[in-house]
Each structure stands twice: as structure tokens, then as C-alpha cells.
Amino acid sequence: MYKAIVLLLSLSAVSACATQADEITPNELSPLTYSKYSCPTLRLHAMRIDNSLNLATGRQNDAAKRDEVRVAAALFLFWPAVFLIDGGDDNKIATMKGQANALLEAAERKGCI
């Protein structure tokens, strides 16, 4: 019975863990969203998304590291630590990555780069 409880806690803890930012797949966004933008406007939006993505990536990777420690603590030391796992912000990063890809493709289509 004890092994079943530990296994159940392990599975729930691992599924709730934050993902490393580089493992998050971008959401598919259409570059047509940005088709009316000028090259300078595309560059400005790309810089803003890039800055936001860099900050979010750092927070996401920190959350992933914290979650790894909490899972280890939950499994080996103190099982209530499993409730401290926050899961990160995968969807926000996926959206920003998709925006960055769409902006890049729109800039390529316009001949900006």
C-alpha cells in the first residue's frame, strides 16, 4: 500500500512540474496578423516580445529547478512538499514563442530582413 501511495504522489508531482523553457513548443500563430505592419513596427514588436520572452524564460527555468527540488523532497523527505509545486507558465511562453515566429516570418515576407 505504501508503494502505491508513493507512486501516485510521484506521478502527480512529475505531471505538475514546470517545464524547461526550451522544451516548450511555440503556439502556431499566423504571420498575416502582422502583414500590415511596417518594417520598423515589426522590429519594435519583435524586440518587445524578445525581451518579454527572455524574462519569462528565466522565470520558467527557475520554476522548473525549484520543482525538481520539491519533487525530490516530496519523494524522499517530506511528502507534503508535493503541494508546493507550481507548474510554471508554459502557455504564456508558448504564445510568446509563437508571436516571435510569426513576427519573424512577417518580416521575411516583407523583405525587412
N, C-alpha and C. Protein backbone atom coordinates (compact mmCIF):
# COMPACT_ATOMS: atom_id res chain seq x y z
N MET A 1 0.82 -1.19 0.00
CA MET A 1 0.00 0.00 0.00
C MET A 1 0.86 1.26 0.00
N TYR A 2 1.93 1.25 0.80
CA TYR A 2 2.83 2.40 0.89
C TYR A 2 3.44 2.69 -0.47
N LYS A 3 3.85 1.64 -1.21
CA LYS A 3 4.45 1.82 -2.53
C LYS A 3 3.46 2.45 -3.50
N ALA A 4 2.21 2.07 -3.41
CA ALA A 4 1.18 2.63 -4.29
C ALA A 4 0.99 4.12 -4.02
N ILE A 5 1.00 4.50 -2.76
CA ILE A 5 0.86 5.92 -2.40
C ILE A 5 2.05 6.72 -2.90
N VAL A 6 3.25 6.20 -2.71
CA VAL A 6 4.45 6.89 -3.18
C VAL A 6 4.42 7.02 -4.71
N LEU A 7 4.00 5.97 -5.40
CA LEU A 7 3.91 6.02 -6.86
C LEU A 7 2.89 7.05 -7.30
N LEU A 8 1.76 7.10 -6.66
CA LEU A 8 0.71 8.06 -7.01
C LEU A 8 1.19 9.49 -6.78
N LEU A 9 1.84 9.73 -5.65
CA LEU A 9 2.39 11.06 -5.38
C LEU A 9 3.46 11.43 -6.40
N SER A 10 4.29 10.46 -6.77
CA SER A 10 5.35 10.71 -7.75
C SER A 10 4.77 11.12 -9.09
N LEU A 11 3.77 10.40 -9.54
CA LEU A 11 3.16 10.70 -10.83
C LEU A 11 2.47 12.06 -10.82
N SER A 12 1.78 12.38 -9.75
CA SER A 12 1.10 13.68 -9.70
C SER A 12 2.12 14.81 -9.58
N ALA A 13 3.20 14.59 -8.89
CA ALA A 13 4.23 15.62 -8.74
C ALA A 13 4.93 15.88 -10.07
N VAL A 14 5.28 14.83 -10.76
CA VAL A 14 6.00 14.98 -12.03
C VAL A 14 5.11 15.65 -13.07
N SER A 15 3.84 15.33 -13.10
CA SER A 15 2.95 15.92 -14.10
C SER A 15 2.70 17.40 -13.84
N ALA A 16 2.87 17.86 -12.62
CA ALA A 16 2.62 19.26 -12.29
C ALA A 16 3.88 20.12 -12.39
N CYS A 17 5.01 19.51 -12.62
CA CYS A 17 6.27 20.25 -12.65
C CYS A 17 6.33 21.23 -13.81
N ALA A 18 7.03 22.33 -13.57
CA ALA A 18 7.28 23.30 -14.62
C ALA A 18 8.23 22.69 -15.65
N THR A 19 8.00 23.00 -16.89
CA THR A 19 8.82 22.52 -18.00
C THR A 19 9.95 23.52 -18.25
N GLN A 20 11.13 23.02 -18.60
CA GLN A 20 12.20 23.92 -19.01
C GLN A 20 11.72 24.69 -20.24
N ALA A 21 12.03 25.97 -20.32
CA ALA A 21 11.51 26.84 -21.38
C ALA A 21 11.87 26.36 -22.78
N ASP A 22 13.06 25.79 -22.95
CA ASP A 22 13.47 25.36 -24.29
C ASP A 22 12.72 24.11 -24.76
N GLU A 23 11.99 23.47 -23.85
CA GLU A 23 11.20 22.29 -24.21
C GLU A 23 9.76 22.63 -24.56
N ILE A 24 9.39 23.90 -24.43
CA ILE A 24 8.01 24.32 -24.71
C ILE A 24 7.86 24.62 -26.19
N THR A 25 6.88 23.99 -26.81
CA THR A 25 6.62 24.17 -28.24
C THR A 25 5.84 25.47 -28.46
N PRO A 26 6.25 26.26 -29.45
CA PRO A 26 5.52 27.51 -29.73
C PRO A 26 4.10 27.24 -30.21
N ASN A 27 3.19 28.12 -29.83
CA ASN A 27 1.85 28.07 -30.41
C ASN A 27 1.94 28.55 -31.85
N GLU A 28 1.12 27.97 -32.70
CA GLU A 28 1.09 28.38 -34.10
C GLU A 28 0.27 29.67 -34.23
N LEU A 29 0.92 30.73 -34.68
CA LEU A 29 0.24 32.00 -34.93
C LEU A 29 0.52 32.42 -36.36
N SER A 30 -0.47 33.00 -37.00
CA SER A 30 -0.33 33.39 -38.39
C SER A 30 0.47 34.67 -38.54
N PRO A 31 1.42 34.69 -39.46
CA PRO A 31 2.17 35.92 -39.73
C PRO A 31 1.28 36.98 -40.39
N LEU A 32 0.12 36.57 -40.90
CA LEU A 32 -0.80 37.53 -41.50
C LEU A 32 -1.30 38.56 -40.49
N THR A 33 -1.24 38.20 -39.21
CA THR A 33 -1.62 39.13 -38.15
C THR A 33 -0.80 40.40 -38.23
N TYR A 34 0.43 40.27 -38.69
CA TYR A 34 1.36 41.39 -38.73
C TYR A 34 1.60 41.90 -40.15
N SER A 35 0.80 41.49 -41.10
CA SER A 35 1.06 41.82 -42.51
C SER A 35 0.96 43.30 -42.81
N LYS A 36 0.19 44.06 -42.07
CA LYS A 36 0.04 45.50 -42.32
C LYS A 36 1.07 46.34 -41.58
N TYR A 37 1.92 45.70 -40.80
CA TYR A 37 2.92 46.42 -40.03
C TYR A 37 4.09 46.82 -40.93
N SER A 38 4.67 47.98 -40.65
CA SER A 38 5.87 48.41 -41.37
C SER A 38 7.08 47.68 -40.79
N CYS A 39 8.19 47.74 -41.50
CA CYS A 39 9.41 47.09 -41.00
C CYS A 39 9.85 47.64 -39.64
N PRO A 40 9.85 48.96 -39.43
CA PRO A 40 10.22 49.45 -38.10
C PRO A 40 9.25 48.97 -37.00
N THR A 41 7.96 48.89 -37.32
CA THR A 41 6.99 48.42 -36.34
C THR A 41 7.20 46.94 -36.04
N LEU A 42 7.49 46.16 -37.07
CA LEU A 42 7.79 44.74 -36.86
C LEU A 42 9.01 44.57 -35.96
N ARG A 43 10.05 45.36 -36.21
CA ARG A 43 11.26 45.29 -35.38
C ARG A 43 10.95 45.65 -33.92
N LEU A 44 10.16 46.69 -33.73
CA LEU A 44 9.81 47.12 -32.37
C LEU A 44 9.04 46.02 -31.64
N HIS A 45 8.04 45.45 -32.30
CA HIS A 45 7.28 44.37 -31.67
C HIS A 45 8.16 43.15 -31.41
N ALA A 46 9.04 42.84 -32.33
CA ALA A 46 9.94 41.70 -32.14
C ALA A 46 10.85 41.92 -30.93
N MET A 47 11.35 43.15 -30.77
CA MET A 47 12.20 43.45 -29.62
C MET A 47 11.42 43.32 -28.31
N ARG A 48 10.18 43.80 -28.30
CA ARG A 48 9.36 43.71 -27.09
C ARG A 48 9.08 42.25 -26.73
N ILE A 49 8.71 41.46 -27.74
CA ILE A 49 8.43 40.04 -27.49
C ILE A 49 9.70 39.34 -27.02
N ASP A 50 10.82 39.65 -27.65
CA ASP A 50 12.09 39.02 -27.27
C ASP A 50 12.45 39.34 -25.82
N ASN A 51 12.29 40.59 -25.42
CA ASN A 51 12.59 40.98 -24.03
C ASN A 51 11.66 40.26 -23.06
N SER A 52 10.37 40.25 -23.37
CA SER A 52 9.40 39.57 -22.51
C SER A 52 9.68 38.07 -22.44
N LEU A 53 10.02 37.49 -23.59
CA LEU A 53 10.31 36.05 -23.63
C LEU A 53 11.56 35.72 -22.83
N ASN A 54 12.57 36.57 -22.89
CA ASN A 54 13.78 36.33 -22.10
C ASN A 54 13.48 36.34 -20.61
N LEU A 55 12.68 37.30 -20.16
CA LEU A 55 12.31 37.36 -18.74
C LEU A 55 11.48 36.15 -18.35
N ALA A 56 10.49 35.81 -19.17
CA ALA A 56 9.63 34.67 -18.86
C ALA A 56 10.41 33.36 -18.88
N THR A 57 11.37 33.25 -19.78
CA THR A 57 12.21 32.05 -19.87
C THR A 57 13.02 31.86 -18.59
N GLY A 58 13.58 32.95 -18.08
CA GLY A 58 14.33 32.87 -16.83
C GLY A 58 13.45 32.44 -15.67
N ARG A 59 12.25 33.02 -15.59
CA ARG A 59 11.32 32.64 -14.52
C ARG A 59 10.89 31.18 -14.66
N GLN A 60 10.64 30.76 -15.90
CA GLN A 60 10.20 29.39 -16.15
C GLN A 60 11.29 28.39 -15.75
N ASN A 61 12.52 28.66 -16.15
CA ASN A 61 13.62 27.75 -15.82
C ASN A 61 13.87 27.71 -14.31
N ASP A 62 13.72 28.86 -13.64
CA ASP A 62 13.84 28.88 -12.17
C ASP A 62 12.75 28.03 -11.54
N ALA A 63 11.52 28.16 -12.05
CA ALA A 63 10.40 27.37 -11.52
C ALA A 63 10.65 25.88 -11.74
N ALA A 64 11.19 25.53 -12.89
CA ALA A 64 11.48 24.12 -13.19
C ALA A 64 12.51 23.57 -12.21
N LYS A 65 13.55 24.36 -11.92
CA LYS A 65 14.57 23.91 -10.97
C LYS A 65 13.99 23.76 -9.57
N ARG A 66 13.16 24.73 -9.16
CA ARG A 66 12.54 24.64 -7.84
C ARG A 66 11.64 23.41 -7.75
N ASP A 67 10.90 23.15 -8.82
CA ASP A 67 10.01 22.00 -8.81
C ASP A 67 10.78 20.69 -8.73
N GLU A 68 11.93 20.61 -9.39
CA GLU A 68 12.75 19.40 -9.30
C GLU A 68 13.17 19.14 -7.86
N VAL A 69 13.57 20.20 -7.17
CA VAL A 69 13.98 20.07 -5.77
C VAL A 69 12.80 19.65 -4.91
N ARG A 70 11.65 20.24 -5.17
CA ARG A 70 10.45 19.92 -4.38
C ARG A 70 9.99 18.49 -4.61
N VAL A 71 10.10 18.01 -5.86
CA VAL A 71 9.73 16.62 -6.13
C VAL A 71 10.66 15.69 -5.38
N ALA A 72 11.96 15.98 -5.41
CA ALA A 72 12.92 15.15 -4.69
C ALA A 72 12.61 15.17 -3.19
N ALA A 73 12.31 16.35 -2.66
CA ALA A 73 11.97 16.45 -1.24
C ALA A 73 10.70 15.68 -0.93
N ALA A 74 9.73 15.77 -1.83
CA ALA A 74 8.45 15.07 -1.61
C ALA A 74 8.65 13.56 -1.62
N LEU A 75 9.49 13.09 -2.53
CA LEU A 75 9.67 11.65 -2.66
C LEU A 75 10.53 11.05 -1.55
N PHE A 76 11.51 11.80 -1.10
CA PHE A 76 12.47 11.22 -0.18
C PHE A 76 12.41 11.76 1.25
N LEU A 77 11.89 12.95 1.43
CA LEU A 77 11.94 13.54 2.76
C LEU A 77 10.58 13.85 3.36
N PHE A 78 9.79 14.61 2.63
CA PHE A 78 8.58 15.18 3.22
C PHE A 78 7.50 15.28 2.16
N TRP A 79 6.60 14.28 2.09
CA TRP A 79 5.62 14.22 1.01
C TRP A 79 4.72 15.44 0.87
N PRO A 80 4.40 16.21 1.93
CA PRO A 80 3.57 17.40 1.71
C PRO A 80 4.23 18.45 0.82
N ALA A 81 5.53 18.33 0.57
CA ALA A 81 6.21 19.26 -0.32
C ALA A 81 5.66 19.19 -1.74
N VAL A 82 4.97 18.10 -2.06
CA VAL A 82 4.38 17.96 -3.39
C VAL A 82 3.36 19.08 -3.65
N PHE A 83 2.76 19.64 -2.61
CA PHE A 83 1.78 20.71 -2.77
C PHE A 83 2.41 22.06 -3.07
N LEU A 84 3.72 22.16 -3.01
CA LEU A 84 4.42 23.41 -3.30
C LEU A 84 4.82 23.55 -4.77
N ILE A 85 4.56 22.54 -5.56
CA ILE A 85 4.95 22.55 -6.97
C ILE A 85 4.01 23.49 -7.72
N ASP A 86 4.59 24.46 -8.45
CA ASP A 86 3.73 25.47 -9.07
C ASP A 86 3.44 25.24 -10.55
N GLY A 87 4.24 24.51 -11.27
CA GLY A 87 3.94 24.17 -12.65
C GLY A 87 4.39 25.17 -13.70
N GLY A 88 4.78 26.37 -13.33
CA GLY A 88 5.28 27.33 -14.30
C GLY A 88 4.18 27.94 -15.15
N ASP A 89 4.59 28.55 -16.27
CA ASP A 89 3.66 29.28 -17.14
C ASP A 89 3.89 28.89 -18.59
N ASP A 90 3.72 27.59 -18.87
CA ASP A 90 4.00 27.05 -20.20
C ASP A 90 3.24 27.75 -21.31
N ASN A 91 1.95 28.02 -21.10
CA ASN A 91 1.13 28.59 -22.16
C ASN A 91 1.59 30.00 -22.54
N LYS A 92 1.99 30.79 -21.56
CA LYS A 92 2.45 32.15 -21.84
C LYS A 92 3.72 32.10 -22.71
N ILE A 93 4.63 31.22 -22.37
CA ILE A 93 5.87 31.10 -23.14
C ILE A 93 5.58 30.57 -24.54
N ALA A 94 4.69 29.59 -24.64
CA ALA A 94 4.33 29.05 -25.96
C ALA A 94 3.74 30.14 -26.84
N THR A 95 2.91 31.00 -26.26
CA THR A 95 2.31 32.09 -27.02
C THR A 95 3.37 33.10 -27.47
N MET A 96 4.27 33.47 -26.56
CA MET A 96 5.31 34.43 -26.93
C MET A 96 6.24 33.86 -28.00
N LYS A 97 6.56 32.58 -27.90
CA LYS A 97 7.39 31.95 -28.94
C LYS A 97 6.67 31.97 -30.28
N GLY A 98 5.36 31.72 -30.26
CA GLY A 98 4.57 31.77 -31.48
C GLY A 98 4.53 33.16 -32.07
N GLN A 99 4.40 34.17 -31.21
CA GLN A 99 4.41 35.56 -31.68
C GLN A 99 5.76 35.90 -32.31
N ALA A 100 6.83 35.49 -31.67
CA ALA A 100 8.16 35.77 -32.20
C ALA A 100 8.33 35.11 -33.58
N ASN A 101 7.88 33.88 -33.72
CA ASN A 101 7.97 33.19 -35.02
C ASN A 101 7.13 33.89 -36.08
N ALA A 102 5.93 34.30 -35.71
CA ALA A 102 5.04 34.97 -36.66
C ALA A 102 5.61 36.32 -37.08
N LEU A 103 6.18 37.06 -36.14
CA LEU A 103 6.81 38.35 -36.46
C LEU A 103 8.00 38.15 -37.40
N LEU A 104 8.80 37.14 -37.13
CA LEU A 104 9.95 36.85 -37.99
C LEU A 104 9.50 36.51 -39.40
N GLU A 105 8.50 35.67 -39.51
CA GLU A 105 8.01 35.28 -40.84
C GLU A 105 7.40 36.48 -41.56
N ALA A 106 6.67 37.33 -40.85
CA ALA A 106 6.10 38.53 -41.46
C ALA A 106 7.20 39.45 -41.95
N ALA A 107 8.27 39.60 -41.16
CA ALA A 107 9.39 40.45 -41.57
C ALA A 107 10.10 39.89 -42.80
N GLU A 108 10.23 38.57 -42.85
CA GLU A 108 10.85 37.93 -44.02
C GLU A 108 10.00 38.16 -45.26
N ARG A 109 8.69 38.01 -45.13
CA ARG A 109 7.79 38.20 -46.27
C ARG A 109 7.82 39.62 -46.79
N LYS A 110 8.00 40.60 -45.90
CA LYS A 110 8.06 42.00 -46.31
C LYS A 110 9.44 42.39 -46.82
N GLY A 111 10.43 41.53 -46.63
CA GLY A 111 11.79 41.85 -47.05
C GLY A 111 12.53 42.73 -46.07
N CYS A 112 12.08 42.72 -44.82
CA CYS A 112 12.72 43.55 -43.79
C CYS A 112 14.07 42.98 -43.34
N ILE A 113 14.21 41.67 -43.50
CA ILE A 113 15.46 41.02 -43.07
C ILE A 113 16.01 40.17 -44.20
